[in-house]
Amino acid sequence: MNILEVDQSLLVAISSFLVGKSDIGDAVVKAVAVYLVYLLPIVLVFMWFRFPVWRKEIFLSFFATVLAWLVITKSVIPAIWFRPRPDLASIGIKELMFHRPDYSFPSDHATVLFALAIGLRFFGLRKAGNYFMVGAIAIALCRVAMGVHFPLDIIAGCLSGLLGVLITFSIRKYIIKFIYNPIVKILKKLRLA
């Protein structure tokens, strides 16, 4: 059995465990997979305005997220390897929502969510990072259960997020000097910081 067959078997196992047991359970899985993802950026914006002393850490985490998502996940990896989304009909998984048939590897959602969670922890906001990590894991698991991604898509998204954080950490002084400070200066003039 090769790695892609193992990946598909894990998808089927996770899906059969979480989906198709009850309408309420399916609704919860769908809500977590589709809607919880919007809560985490809202929490990040709330943290920006509520806790000004954390702004550098929040900004660095956000920068790492954008770097991981736009550069690594959206540009580099799909140019190297294209993997379509799971074919739910062929593997017998109940479809809870339609998703456009684009690339599956790596997961955009996993990249963004894990980059935020890892970034917050890495840049010193451990408690916030832990909460974001719980959200990231729940969303990722539910997206696999719904058949939107294979488990390896999630793992690759997590690794993309980690890579974005590591790159950001290595150039953080330049990011703060040339990007963060000018943005905060403008925001202060607009009375948004």
C-alpha atoms as a PDB file:
ATOM      1  CA  MET A   1       0.000   0.000   0.000  1.00  0.00           C
ATOM      2  CA  ASN A   2       1.524   3.355  -1.024  1.00  0.00           C
ATOM      3  CA  ILE A   3       1.307   6.661   0.854  1.00  0.00           C
ATOM      4  CA  LEU A   4      -1.611   7.974  -1.240  1.00  0.00           C
ATOM      5  CA  GLU A   5      -3.632   4.818  -0.542  1.00  0.00           C
ATOM      6  CA  VAL A   6      -2.918   5.179   3.182  1.00  0.00           C
ATOM      7  CA  ASP A   7      -3.941   8.832   2.936  1.00  0.00           C
ATOM      8  CA  GLN A   8      -7.254   7.889   1.305  1.00  0.00           C
ATOM      9  CA  SER A   9      -7.860   5.135   3.872  1.00  0.00           C
ATOM     10  CA  LEU A  10      -7.334   7.650   6.690  1.00  0.00           C
ATOM     11  CA  LEU A  11      -9.768  10.056   5.034  1.00  0.00           C
ATOM     12  CA  VAL A  12     -12.419   7.322   4.815  1.00  0.00           C
ATOM     13  CA  ALA A  13     -11.821   6.292   8.437  1.00  0.00           C
ATOM     14  CA  ILE A  14     -12.080   9.858   9.769  1.00  0.00           C
ATOM     15  CA  SER A  15     -15.132  10.585   7.648  1.00  0.00           C
ATOM     16  CA  SER A  16     -16.950   7.407   8.631  1.00  0.00           C
ATOM     17  CA  PHE A  17     -16.239   8.182  12.301  1.00  0.00           C
ATOM     18  CA  LEU A  18     -17.514  11.796  12.217  1.00  0.00           C
ATOM     19  CA  VAL A  19     -19.978  12.036   9.309  1.00  0.00           C
ATOM     20  CA  GLY A  20     -23.230  10.252   8.535  1.00  0.00           C
ATOM     21  CA  LYS A  21     -24.196   9.300  12.085  1.00  0.00           C
ATOM     22  CA  SER A  22     -26.842  12.013  12.558  1.00  0.00           C
ATOM     23  CA  ASP A  23     -28.073  15.194  10.936  1.00  0.00           C
ATOM     24  CA  ILE A  24     -27.039  17.195  14.002  1.00  0.00           C
ATOM     25  CA  GLY A  25     -23.548  15.706  13.975  1.00  0.00           C
ATOM     26  CA  ASP A  26     -23.197  16.456  10.270  1.00  0.00           C
ATOM     27  CA  ALA A  27     -24.355  20.035  10.871  1.00  0.00           C
ATOM     28  CA  VAL A  28     -21.740  20.468  13.618  1.00  0.00           C
ATOM     29  CA  VAL A  29     -18.956  19.087  11.412  1.00  0.00           C
ATOM     30  CA  LYS A  30     -20.016  21.398   8.583  1.00  0.00           C
ATOM     31  CA  ALA A  31     -20.275  24.426  10.901  1.00  0.00           C
ATOM     32  CA  VAL A  32     -16.792  23.828  12.302  1.00  0.00           C
ATOM     33  CA  ALA A  33     -15.261  23.146   8.883  1.00  0.00           C
ATOM     34  CA  VAL A  34     -16.898  26.050   7.077  1.00  0.00           C
ATOM     35  CA  TYR A  35     -17.761  28.782   9.577  1.00  0.00           C
ATOM     36  CA  LEU A  36     -15.342  28.513  12.513  1.00  0.00           C
ATOM     37  CA  VAL A  37     -12.548  29.512  10.150  1.00  0.00           C
ATOM     38  CA  TYR A  38     -14.032  33.040  10.012  1.00  0.00           C
ATOM     39  CA  LEU A  39     -14.002  33.408  13.791  1.00  0.00           C
ATOM     40  CA  LEU A  40     -10.231  33.149  14.176  1.00  0.00           C
ATOM     41  CA  PRO A  41      -9.364  36.218  12.033  1.00  0.00           C
ATOM     42  CA  ILE A  42     -12.059  38.165  13.894  1.00  0.00           C
ATOM     43  CA  VAL A  43     -10.391  37.176  17.170  1.00  0.00           C
ATOM     44  CA  LEU A  44      -7.036  38.289  15.738  1.00  0.00           C
ATOM     45  CA  VAL A  45      -8.448  41.730  14.851  1.00  0.00           C
ATOM     46  CA  PHE A  46     -10.011  41.963  18.312  1.00  0.00           C
ATOM     47  CA  MET A  47      -6.633  41.129  19.873  1.00  0.00           C
ATOM     48  CA  TRP A  48      -4.946  43.837  17.752  1.00  0.00           C
ATOM     49  CA  PHE A  49      -7.239  46.544  19.104  1.00  0.00           C
ATOM     50  CA  ARG A  50      -7.753  45.178  22.643  1.00  0.00           C
ATOM     51  CA  PHE A  51      -4.116  44.378  23.445  1.00  0.00           C
ATOM     52  CA  PRO A  52      -1.830  47.026  21.875  1.00  0.00           C
ATOM     53  CA  VAL A  53       1.241  45.581  23.634  1.00  0.00           C
ATOM     54  CA  TRP A  54       0.864  42.424  21.511  1.00  0.00           C
ATOM     55  CA  ARG A  55       0.747  44.193  18.147  1.00  0.00           C
ATOM     56  CA  LYS A  56       4.245  43.240  17.001  1.00  0.00           C
ATOM     57  CA  GLU A  57       3.633  39.585  17.789  1.00  0.00           C
ATOM     58  CA  ILE A  58       0.228  39.642  16.094  1.00  0.00           C
ATOM     59  CA  PHE A  59       1.689  41.403  13.054  1.00  0.00           C
ATOM     60  CA  LEU A  60       4.575  38.946  12.746  1.00  0.00           C
ATOM     61  CA  SER A  61       2.135  36.026  13.009  1.00  0.00           C
ATOM     62  CA  PHE A  62      -0.077  37.601  10.356  1.00  0.00           C
ATOM     63  CA  PHE A  63       2.941  38.286   8.114  1.00  0.00           C
ATOM     64  CA  ALA A  64       4.053  34.650   8.458  1.00  0.00           C
ATOM     65  CA  THR A  65       0.537  33.543   7.558  1.00  0.00           C
ATOM     66  CA  VAL A  66       0.403  35.667   4.412  1.00  0.00           C
ATOM     67  CA  LEU A  67       3.891  34.527   3.395  1.00  0.00           C
ATOM     68  CA  ALA A  68       3.036  30.857   3.918  1.00  0.00           C
ATOM     69  CA  TRP A  69      -0.320  31.093   2.179  1.00  0.00           C
ATOM     70  CA  LEU A  70       0.386  33.322  -0.820  1.00  0.00           C
ATOM     71  CA  VAL A  71       3.952  32.280  -1.563  1.00  0.00           C
ATOM     72  CA  ILE A  72       4.359  28.684  -0.418  1.00  0.00           C
ATOM     73  CA  THR A  73       0.860  27.200  -0.611  1.00  0.00           C
ATOM     74  CA  LYS A  74      -0.687  29.167  -3.479  1.00  0.00           C
ATOM     75  CA  SER A  75       2.378  29.571  -5.708  1.00  0.00           C
ATOM     76  CA  VAL A  76       5.327  27.261  -5.091  1.00  0.00           C
ATOM     77  CA  ILE A  77       3.780  23.904  -4.168  1.00  0.00           C
ATOM     78  CA  PRO A  78       0.981  23.815  -6.796  1.00  0.00           C
ATOM     79  CA  ALA A  79       3.590  24.601  -9.458  1.00  0.00           C
ATOM     80  CA  ILE A  80       5.525  21.503  -8.378  1.00  0.00           C
ATOM     81  CA  TRP A  81       2.674  19.070  -7.709  1.00  0.00           C
ATOM     82  CA  PHE A  82      -1.055  19.278  -8.394  1.00  0.00           C
ATOM     83  CA  ARG A  83      -3.327  17.012  -6.426  1.00  0.00           C
ATOM     84  CA  PRO A  84      -7.081  17.184  -6.997  1.00  0.00           C
ATOM     85  CA  ARG A  85      -9.595  17.121  -4.193  1.00  0.00           C
ATOM     86  CA  PRO A  86     -10.927  13.747  -3.025  1.00  0.00           C
ATOM     87  CA  ASP A  87     -13.478  12.155  -5.354  1.00  0.00           C
ATOM     88  CA  LEU A  88     -16.183  11.522  -2.793  1.00  0.00           C
ATOM     89  CA  ALA A  89     -18.337   9.368  -5.049  1.00  0.00           C
ATOM     90  CA  SER A  90     -15.513   6.938  -5.794  1.00  0.00           C
ATOM     91  CA  ILE A  91     -14.613   6.407  -2.128  1.00  0.00           C
ATOM     92  CA  GLY A  92     -18.167   6.357  -0.728  1.00  0.00           C
ATOM     93  CA  ILE A  93     -18.131   9.469   1.448  1.00  0.00           C
ATOM     94  CA  LYS A  94     -21.296  11.449   2.158  1.00  0.00           C
ATOM     95  CA  GLU A  95     -20.994  14.912   0.609  1.00  0.00           C
ATOM     96  CA  LEU A  96     -21.923  17.634   3.122  1.00  0.00           C
ATOM     97  CA  MET A  97     -21.011  20.559   0.871  1.00  0.00           C
ATOM     98  CA  PHE A  98     -19.879  21.234  -2.641  1.00  0.00           C
ATOM     99  CA  HIS A  99     -16.340  22.498  -3.052  1.00  0.00           C
ATOM    100  CA  ARG A 100     -14.966  23.687  -6.367  1.00  0.00           C
ATOM    101  CA  PRO A 101     -12.701  21.045  -7.893  1.00  0.00           C
ATOM    102  CA  ASP A 102      -9.360  22.840  -7.573  1.00  0.00           C
ATOM    103  CA  TYR A 103      -6.122  21.721  -5.977  1.00  0.00           C
ATOM    104  CA  SER A 104      -6.193  19.935  -2.656  1.00  0.00           C
ATOM    105  CA  PHE A 105      -2.514  19.857  -1.691  1.00  0.00           C
ATOM    106  CA  PRO A 106      -1.640  21.627   0.509  1.00  0.00           C
ATOM    107  CA  SER A 107      -4.715  22.893   2.311  1.00  0.00           C
ATOM    108  CA  ASP A 108      -5.090  26.686   2.233  1.00  0.00           C
ATOM    109  CA  HIS A 109      -7.126  26.592   5.443  1.00  0.00           C
ATOM    110  CA  ALA A 110      -4.555  24.464   7.248  1.00  0.00           C
ATOM    111  CA  THR A 111      -1.728  26.719   6.070  1.00  0.00           C
ATOM    112  CA  VAL A 112      -3.436  29.864   7.333  1.00  0.00           C
ATOM    113  CA  LEU A 113      -4.743  28.436  10.595  1.00  0.00           C
ATOM    114  CA  PHE A 114      -1.580  26.607  11.607  1.00  0.00           C
ATOM    115  CA  ALA A 115       0.631  29.548  10.590  1.00  0.00           C
ATOM    116  CA  LEU A 116      -1.429  31.802  12.864  1.00  0.00           C
ATOM    117  CA  ALA A 117      -1.379  29.317  15.735  1.00  0.00           C
ATOM    118  CA  ILE A 118       2.310  28.455  15.434  1.00  0.00           C
ATOM    119  CA  GLY A 119       3.208  32.098  14.815  1.00  0.00           C
ATOM    120  CA  LEU A 120       1.397  33.328  17.913  1.00  0.00           C
ATOM    121  CA  ARG A 121       3.162  30.716  20.028  1.00  0.00           C
ATOM    122  CA  PHE A 122       6.524  31.259  18.337  1.00  0.00           C
ATOM    123  CA  PHE A 123       6.416  35.026  18.791  1.00  0.00           C
ATOM    124  CA  GLY A 124       5.514  34.825  22.478  1.00  0.00           C
ATOM    125  CA  LEU A 125       1.721  34.691  22.729  1.00  0.00           C
ATOM    126  CA  ARG A 126       1.577  31.094  23.876  1.00  0.00           C
ATOM    127  CA  LYS A 127      -1.900  31.086  25.406  1.00  0.00           C
ATOM    128  CA  ALA A 128      -3.471  32.698  22.335  1.00  0.00           C
ATOM    129  CA  GLY A 129      -1.482  30.328  20.122  1.00  0.00           C
ATOM    130  CA  ASN A 130      -2.837  27.352  22.054  1.00  0.00           C
ATOM    131  CA  TYR A 131      -6.430  28.489  21.521  1.00  0.00           C
ATOM    132  CA  PHE A 132      -5.774  29.051  17.831  1.00  0.00           C
ATOM    133  CA  MET A 133      -4.149  25.603  17.640  1.00  0.00           C
ATOM    134  CA  VAL A 134      -7.277  23.953  19.076  1.00  0.00           C
ATOM    135  CA  GLY A 135      -9.365  25.789  16.476  1.00  0.00           C
ATOM    136  CA  ALA A 136      -6.957  24.856  13.690  1.00  0.00           C
ATOM    137  CA  ILE A 137      -7.008  21.166  14.611  1.00  0.00           C
ATOM    138  CA  ALA A 138     -10.814  21.090  14.900  1.00  0.00           C
ATOM    139  CA  ILE A 139     -11.300  22.819  11.547  1.00  0.00           C
ATOM    140  CA  ALA A 140      -8.696  20.658   9.815  1.00  0.00           C
ATOM    141  CA  LEU A 141     -10.186  17.437  11.189  1.00  0.00           C
ATOM    142  CA  CYS A 142     -13.692  18.450  10.113  1.00  0.00           C
ATOM    143  CA  ARG A 143     -12.499  19.413   6.626  1.00  0.00           C
ATOM    144  CA  VAL A 144     -10.965  15.947   6.260  1.00  0.00           C
ATOM    145  CA  ALA A 145     -14.170  14.349   7.609  1.00  0.00           C
ATOM    146  CA  MET A 146     -16.187  16.253   4.995  1.00  0.00           C
ATOM    147  CA  GLY A 147     -13.890  14.969   2.268  1.00  0.00           C
ATOM    148  CA  VAL A 148     -12.634  18.412   1.251  1.00  0.00           C
ATOM    149  CA  HIS A 149      -9.021  17.397   1.954  1.00  0.00           C
ATOM    150  CA  PHE A 150      -6.903  14.332   2.452  1.00  0.00           C
ATOM    151  CA  PRO A 151      -4.988  14.115   5.762  1.00  0.00           C
ATOM    152  CA  LEU A 152      -1.671  14.724   3.949  1.00  0.00           C
ATOM    153  CA  ASP A 153      -3.093  17.995   2.581  1.00  0.00           C
ATOM    154  CA  ILE A 154      -3.563  19.144   6.168  1.00  0.00           C
ATOM    155  CA  ILE A 155      -0.096  18.010   7.237  1.00  0.00           C
ATOM    156  CA  ALA A 156       1.447  19.804   4.249  1.00  0.00           C
ATOM    157  CA  GLY A 157      -0.559  22.939   5.105  1.00  0.00           C
ATOM    158  CA  CYS A 158       0.722  22.769   8.672  1.00  0.00           C
ATOM    159  CA  LEU A 159       4.296  22.429   7.417  1.00  0.00           C
ATOM    160  CA  SER A 160       3.786  25.342   4.993  1.00  0.00           C
ATOM    161  CA  GLY A 161       2.568  27.435   7.915  1.00  0.00           C
ATOM    162  CA  LEU A 162       5.566  26.407  10.002  1.00  0.00           C
ATOM    163  CA  LEU A 163       7.938  27.299   7.158  1.00  0.00           C
ATOM    164  CA  GLY A 164       6.299  30.729   6.849  1.00  0.00           C
ATOM    165  CA  VAL A 165       6.809  31.281  10.583  1.00  0.00           C
ATOM    166  CA  LEU A 166      10.462  30.188  10.461  1.00  0.00           C
ATOM    167  CA  ILE A 167      11.213  32.478   7.511  1.00  0.00           C
ATOM    168  CA  THR A 168       9.433  35.361   9.223  1.00  0.00           C
ATOM    169  CA  PHE A 169      11.321  34.720  12.451  1.00  0.00           C
ATOM    170  CA  SER A 170      14.649  34.802  10.625  1.00  0.00           C
ATOM    171  CA  ILE A 171      13.918  38.230   9.058  1.00  0.00           C
ATOM    172  CA  ARG A 172      11.726  39.681  11.822  1.00  0.00           C
ATOM    173  CA  LYS A 173      13.996  42.704  12.472  1.00  0.00           C
ATOM    174  CA  TYR A 174      13.626  43.827   8.853  1.00  0.00           C
ATOM    175  CA  ILE A 175       9.886  43.188   8.847  1.00  0.00           C
ATOM    176  CA  ILE A 176       9.462  45.316  11.966  1.00  0.00           C
ATOM    177  CA  LYS A 177      11.695  48.108  10.675  1.00  0.00           C
ATOM    178  CA  PHE A 178      10.508  48.309   7.067  1.00  0.00           C
ATOM    179  CA  ILE A 179       6.904  47.065   7.194  1.00  0.00           C
ATOM    180  CA  TYR A 180       5.462  47.059  10.726  1.00  0.00           C
ATOM    181  CA  ASN A 181       6.752  50.459  11.890  1.00  0.00           C
ATOM    182  CA  PRO A 182       5.596  52.365   8.765  1.00  0.00           C
ATOM    183  CA  ILE A 183       2.164  50.682   8.906  1.00  0.00           C
ATOM    184  CA  VAL A 184       1.719  51.499  12.592  1.00  0.00           C
ATOM    185  CA  LYS A 185       2.792  55.090  11.909  1.00  0.00           C
ATOM    186  CA  ILE A 186       0.065  55.409   9.269  1.00  0.00           C
ATOM    187  CA  LEU A 187      -2.502  53.710  11.509  1.00  0.00           C
ATOM    188  CA  LYS A 188      -1.679  56.137  14.328  1.00  0.00           C
ATOM    189  CA  LYS A 189      -2.278  59.082  11.988  1.00  0.00           C
ATOM    190  CA  LEU A 190      -5.638  57.526  11.102  1.00  0.00           C
ATOM    191  CA  ARG A 191      -6.272  56.889  14.824  1.00  0.00           C
ATOM    192  CA  LEU A 192      -6.556  53.158  14.261  1.00  0.00           C
ATOM    193  CA  ALA A 193      -3.578  52.249  16.457  1.00  0.00           C
END
